């Protein structure tokens, strides 16, 4: 693998150097971040711990990867400005295992509510057929009593006039 620096820009506000690079990897897979970082450190003359690789991606159909890296003047500045996920991404596997926080206790989910399956609907009788039966039942009850409710109401009113 051969790393070539394409562009190098000083950023005095953040006290860092921003580097665009190209890594040729003929016949090999996309280079690992640690290997690329080591070669960049050798070319720039800085410690590997001060370099963060933001992006490293291969181009489809070519044996070359392009990337963006940032080189800081101090470790404190690097830790203050860079997001944690980028710092973890550029760590070796051994350091990642040590730096992992303790596992949080799992929160139990509430039990799921059981959904009842819909029961098969019984065929219903048409509503029109049910109405005449109810009317007939009311009529038979009134006939059993002997008088219609309307007639009873008239009798009460008439009785009130006489007295």
C-alpha atoms as a PDB file:
ATOM      1  CA  UNK A   1       0.000   0.000   0.000  1.00  0.00           C
ATOM      2  CA  UNK A   2       1.217   3.438  -0.922  1.00  0.00           C
ATOM      3  CA  UNK A   3      -0.198   6.614   0.680  1.00  0.00           C
ATOM      4  CA  UNK A   4       0.032   9.887  -1.235  1.00  0.00           C
ATOM      5  CA  UNK A   5      -0.924  13.256   0.294  1.00  0.00           C
ATOM      6  CA  UNK A   6      -3.040  15.230  -2.176  1.00  0.00           C
ATOM      7  CA  UNK A   7      -3.820  18.354  -0.166  1.00  0.00           C
ATOM      8  CA  UNK A   8      -2.555  19.714   3.141  1.00  0.00           C
ATOM      9  CA  UNK A   9      -4.226  22.702   4.842  1.00  0.00           C
ATOM     10  CA  UNK A  10      -3.242  24.413   8.095  1.00  0.00           C
ATOM     11  CA  UNK A  11      -6.127  25.380  10.393  1.00  0.00           C
ATOM     12  CA  UNK A  12      -4.723  27.684  13.103  1.00  0.00           C
ATOM     13  CA  UNK A  13      -8.073  28.227  14.795  1.00  0.00           C
ATOM     14  CA  UNK A  14      -8.325  24.530  15.754  1.00  0.00           C
ATOM     15  CA  UNK A  15      -4.549  24.069  15.941  1.00  0.00           C
ATOM     16  CA  UNK A  16      -4.590  21.235  13.438  1.00  0.00           C
ATOM     17  CA  UNK A  17      -3.627  20.275   9.898  1.00  0.00           C
ATOM     18  CA  UNK A  18      -6.289  18.867   7.592  1.00  0.00           C
ATOM     19  CA  UNK A  19      -5.011  16.337   5.064  1.00  0.00           C
ATOM     20  CA  UNK A  20      -6.639  14.776   1.999  1.00  0.00           C
ATOM     21  CA  UNK A  21      -4.894  11.637   0.844  1.00  0.00           C
ATOM     22  CA  UNK A  22      -5.046   8.770  -1.620  1.00  0.00           C
ATOM     23  CA  UNK A  23      -3.992   5.204  -0.797  1.00  0.00           C
ATOM     24  CA  UNK A  24      -3.181   2.825  -3.673  1.00  0.00           C
ATOM     25  CA  UNK A  25      -3.791  -0.795  -2.666  1.00  0.00           C
ATOM     26  CA  UNK A  26      -3.332  -2.835  -5.831  1.00  0.00           C
ATOM     27  CA  UNK A  27      -4.311  -6.480  -5.331  1.00  0.00           C
ATOM     28  CA  UNK A  28      -5.268  -5.915  -1.689  1.00  0.00           C
ATOM     29  CA  UNK A  29      -8.502  -5.058   0.127  1.00  0.00           C
ATOM     30  CA  UNK A  30      -9.223  -1.543   1.379  1.00  0.00           C
ATOM     31  CA  UNK A  31      -6.400  -0.647   3.775  1.00  0.00           C
ATOM     32  CA  UNK A  32      -7.057  -0.656   7.498  1.00  0.00           C
ATOM     33  CA  UNK A  33      -7.247   2.661   9.305  1.00  0.00           C
ATOM     34  CA  UNK A  34      -4.362   1.793  11.618  1.00  0.00           C
ATOM     35  CA  UNK A  35      -2.027   0.974   8.705  1.00  0.00           C
ATOM     36  CA  UNK A  36      -3.006   4.151   6.860  1.00  0.00           C
ATOM     37  CA  UNK A  37      -2.566   6.236   9.998  1.00  0.00           C
ATOM     38  CA  UNK A  38       0.928   4.778  10.540  1.00  0.00           C
ATOM     39  CA  UNK A  39       1.999   5.679   6.996  1.00  0.00           C
ATOM     40  CA  UNK A  40       0.553   9.196   7.281  1.00  0.00           C
ATOM     41  CA  UNK A  41       2.407   9.690  10.581  1.00  0.00           C
ATOM     42  CA  UNK A  42       5.679   8.627   8.954  1.00  0.00           C
ATOM     43  CA  UNK A  43       5.204  11.008   6.014  1.00  0.00           C
ATOM     44  CA  UNK A  44       4.133  13.973   8.162  1.00  0.00           C
ATOM     45  CA  UNK A  45       6.664  13.340  10.939  1.00  0.00           C
ATOM     46  CA  UNK A  46       4.153  13.276  13.835  1.00  0.00           C
ATOM     47  CA  UNK A  47       3.021  10.693  16.389  1.00  0.00           C
ATOM     48  CA  UNK A  48       0.231   8.307  15.341  1.00  0.00           C
ATOM     49  CA  UNK A  49      -1.851   9.268  18.401  1.00  0.00           C
ATOM     50  CA  UNK A  50      -2.261  12.804  17.027  1.00  0.00           C
ATOM     51  CA  UNK A  51      -3.903  11.686  13.764  1.00  0.00           C
ATOM     52  CA  UNK A  52      -7.609  11.000  13.303  1.00  0.00           C
ATOM     53  CA  UNK A  53      -8.892   9.541  10.053  1.00  0.00           C
ATOM     54  CA  UNK A  54     -12.353  10.919   9.363  1.00  0.00           C
ATOM     55  CA  UNK A  55     -13.029   9.104   6.102  1.00  0.00           C
ATOM     56  CA  UNK A  56     -11.412   6.221   4.229  1.00  0.00           C
ATOM     57  CA  UNK A  57     -13.344   4.802   1.277  1.00  0.00           C
ATOM     58  CA  UNK A  58     -12.460   2.808  -1.823  1.00  0.00           C
ATOM     59  CA  UNK A  59     -13.712   3.775  -5.242  1.00  0.00           C
ATOM     60  CA  UNK A  60     -15.733   1.112  -7.029  1.00  0.00           C
ATOM     61  CA  UNK A  61     -13.702  -0.700  -9.676  1.00  0.00           C
ATOM     62  CA  UNK A  62     -10.382   0.846  -8.691  1.00  0.00           C
ATOM     63  CA  UNK A  63      -7.623  -0.251  -6.379  1.00  0.00           C
ATOM     64  CA  UNK A  64      -7.426   3.129  -4.654  1.00  0.00           C
ATOM     65  CA  UNK A  65      -8.982   4.598  -1.536  1.00  0.00           C
ATOM     66  CA  UNK A  66      -9.352   8.268  -0.764  1.00  0.00           C
ATOM     67  CA  UNK A  67      -9.640   9.768   2.659  1.00  0.00           C
ATOM     68  CA  UNK A  68      -9.560  12.743   4.976  1.00  0.00           C
ATOM     69  CA  UNK A  69      -7.424  12.946   8.103  1.00  0.00           C
ATOM     70  CA  UNK A  70      -6.780  15.576  10.751  1.00  0.00           C
ATOM     71  CA  UNK A  71      -3.444  16.008  12.497  1.00  0.00           C
ATOM     72  CA  UNK A  72      -3.500  17.803  15.859  1.00  0.00           C
ATOM     73  CA  UNK A  73      -0.733  19.621  17.713  1.00  0.00           C
ATOM     74  CA  UNK A  74      -1.613  18.009  21.079  1.00  0.00           C
ATOM     75  CA  UNK A  75      -3.577  15.065  22.440  1.00  0.00           C
ATOM     76  CA  UNK A  76      -5.730  17.370  24.610  1.00  0.00           C
ATOM     77  CA  UNK A  77      -6.840  19.375  21.561  1.00  0.00           C
ATOM     78  CA  UNK A  78      -7.644  16.157  19.682  1.00  0.00           C
ATOM     79  CA  UNK A  79      -9.813  14.781  22.519  1.00  0.00           C
ATOM     80  CA  UNK A  80     -11.587  18.093  22.967  1.00  0.00           C
ATOM     81  CA  UNK A  81     -12.569  18.555  19.312  1.00  0.00           C
ATOM     82  CA  UNK A  82     -13.076  15.098  17.834  1.00  0.00           C
ATOM     83  CA  UNK A  83     -16.252  13.099  18.413  1.00  0.00           C
ATOM     84  CA  UNK A  84     -15.915   9.978  20.568  1.00  0.00           C
ATOM     85  CA  UNK A  85     -16.983   7.595  17.810  1.00  0.00           C
ATOM     86  CA  UNK A  86     -14.068   8.686  15.611  1.00  0.00           C
ATOM     87  CA  UNK A  87     -11.605   8.252  18.469  1.00  0.00           C
ATOM     88  CA  UNK A  88     -12.926   4.739  19.134  1.00  0.00           C
ATOM     89  CA  UNK A  89     -12.888   3.863  15.430  1.00  0.00           C
ATOM     90  CA  UNK A  90      -9.167   4.658  15.151  1.00  0.00           C
ATOM     91  CA  UNK A  91      -8.173   2.600  18.217  1.00  0.00           C
ATOM     92  CA  UNK A  92      -6.544  -0.831  17.966  1.00  0.00           C
ATOM     93  CA  UNK A  93      -8.799  -3.770  18.930  1.00  0.00           C
ATOM     94  CA  UNK A  94      -6.997  -4.323  22.253  1.00  0.00           C
ATOM     95  CA  UNK A  95      -7.536  -0.707  23.304  1.00  0.00           C
ATOM     96  CA  UNK A  96     -11.210  -0.874  22.282  1.00  0.00           C
ATOM     97  CA  UNK A  97     -11.767  -3.888  24.549  1.00  0.00           C
ATOM     98  CA  UNK A  98     -10.207  -2.063  27.510  1.00  0.00           C
ATOM     99  CA  UNK A  99     -12.058   1.193  26.856  1.00  0.00           C
ATOM    100  CA  UNK A 100     -15.518  -0.407  26.627  1.00  0.00           C
ATOM    101  CA  UNK A 101     -17.759   0.733  29.460  1.00  0.00           C
ATOM    102  CA  UNK A 102     -19.429  -1.806  31.693  1.00  0.00           C
ATOM    103  CA  UNK A 103     -22.572  -3.290  30.257  1.00  0.00           C
ATOM    104  CA  UNK A 104     -25.745  -1.652  31.451  1.00  0.00           C
ATOM    105  CA  UNK A 105     -28.331  -3.895  33.061  1.00  0.00           C
ATOM    106  CA  UNK A 106     -30.987  -4.864  30.592  1.00  0.00           C
ATOM    107  CA  UNK A 107     -34.354  -3.258  31.114  1.00  0.00           C
ATOM    108  CA  UNK A 108     -37.178  -5.731  30.951  1.00  0.00           C
ATOM    109  CA  UNK A 109     -39.929  -4.890  28.537  1.00  0.00           C
ATOM    110  CA  UNK A 110     -43.504  -5.067  29.745  1.00  0.00           C
ATOM    111  CA  UNK A 111     -45.270  -8.251  28.681  1.00  0.00           C
ATOM    112  CA  UNK A 112     -47.016  -7.983  25.358  1.00  0.00           C
ATOM    113  CA  UNK A 113     -50.781  -7.962  25.388  1.00  0.00           C
ATOM    114  CA  UNK A 114     -52.352 -10.958  23.797  1.00  0.00           C
ATOM    115  CA  UNK A 115     -54.618 -10.144  20.913  1.00  0.00           C
ATOM    116  CA  UNK A 116     -57.589 -12.430  20.665  1.00  0.00           C
ATOM    117  CA  UNK A 117     -58.394 -13.750  17.270  1.00  0.00           C
ATOM    118  CA  UNK A 118     -61.771 -12.610  15.974  1.00  0.00           C
ATOM    119  CA  UNK A 119     -64.471 -15.217  16.394  1.00  0.00           C
ATOM    120  CA  UNK A 120     -66.349 -16.386  13.377  1.00  0.00           C
ATOM    121  CA  UNK A 121     -69.462 -14.294  12.955  1.00  0.00           C
ATOM    122  CA  UNK A 122     -72.756 -16.128  13.019  1.00  0.00           C
ATOM    123  CA  UNK A 123     -75.073 -15.299  10.166  1.00  0.00           C
ATOM    124  CA  UNK A 124     -77.535 -12.692  11.410  1.00  0.00           C
ATOM    125  CA  UNK A 125     -81.188 -12.584  10.534  1.00  0.00           C
ATOM    126  CA  UNK A 126     -82.291  -9.566   8.619  1.00  0.00           C
ATOM    127  CA  UNK A 127     -83.433  -6.704  10.832  1.00  0.00           C
ATOM    128  CA  UNK A 128     -86.772  -6.394   9.075  1.00  0.00           C
ATOM    129  CA  UNK A 129     -87.766  -9.881  10.141  1.00  0.00           C
ATOM    130  CA  UNK A 130     -87.037  -9.055  13.785  1.00  0.00           C
ATOM    131  CA  UNK A 131     -89.180  -5.884  13.909  1.00  0.00           C
ATOM    132  CA  UNK A 132     -92.611  -7.405  13.170  1.00  0.00           C
ATOM    133  CA  UNK A 133     -92.088 -10.000  15.882  1.00  0.00           C
ATOM    134  CA  UNK A 134     -91.392  -7.298  18.464  1.00  0.00           C
ATOM    135  CA  UNK A 135     -94.434  -5.318  17.413  1.00  0.00           C
ATOM    136  CA  UNK A 136     -96.635  -8.379  17.662  1.00  0.00           C
ATOM    137  CA  UNK A 137     -95.266  -9.115  21.125  1.00  0.00           C
ATOM    138  CA  UNK A 138     -96.147  -5.579  22.305  1.00  0.00           C
ATOM    139  CA  UNK A 139     -99.626  -5.826  20.842  1.00  0.00           C
ATOM    140  CA  UNK A 140    -100.293  -9.123  22.589  1.00  0.00           C
ATOM    141  CA  UNK A 141     -99.145  -7.657  25.923  1.00  0.00           C
ATOM    142  CA  UNK A 142    -101.471  -4.682  25.513  1.00  0.00           C
ATOM    143  CA  UNK A 143    -104.337  -6.926  24.492  1.00  0.00           C
ATOM    144  CA  UNK A 144    -103.755  -9.026  27.602  1.00  0.00           C
ATOM    145  CA  UNK A 145    -104.026  -5.902  29.749  1.00  0.00           C
ATOM    146  CA  UNK A 146    -107.271  -5.088  28.066  1.00  0.00           C
ATOM    147  CA  UNK A 147    -106.832  -1.516  26.940  1.00  0.00           C
ATOM    148  CA  UNK A 148    -104.451   0.497  24.874  1.00  0.00           C
ATOM    149  CA  UNK A 149    -102.178   2.957  26.669  1.00  0.00           C
ATOM    150  CA  UNK A 150    -103.760   5.856  24.744  1.00  0.00           C
ATOM    151  CA  UNK A 151    -107.229   5.045  26.074  1.00  0.00           C
ATOM    152  CA  UNK A 152    -105.936   4.915  29.662  1.00  0.00           C
ATOM    153  CA  UNK A 153    -104.385   8.370  29.314  1.00  0.00           C
ATOM    154  CA  UNK A 154    -107.732   9.813  28.104  1.00  0.00           C
ATOM    155  CA  UNK A 155    -109.591   8.306  31.041  1.00  0.00           C
ATOM    156  CA  UNK A 156    -107.200   9.925  33.518  1.00  0.00           C
ATOM    157  CA  UNK A 157    -107.580  13.310  31.887  1.00  0.00           C
ATOM    158  CA  UNK A 158    -111.384  13.034  31.809  1.00  0.00           C
ATOM    159  CA  UNK A 159    -111.461  11.987  35.416  1.00  0.00           C
ATOM    160  CA  UNK A 160    -109.513  15.080  36.361  1.00  0.00           C
ATOM    161  CA  UNK A 161    -112.100  17.388  34.701  1.00  0.00           C
ATOM    162  CA  UNK A 162    -115.043  15.999  36.580  1.00  0.00           C
ATOM    163  CA  UNK A 163    -113.584  16.367  40.007  1.00  0.00           C
END
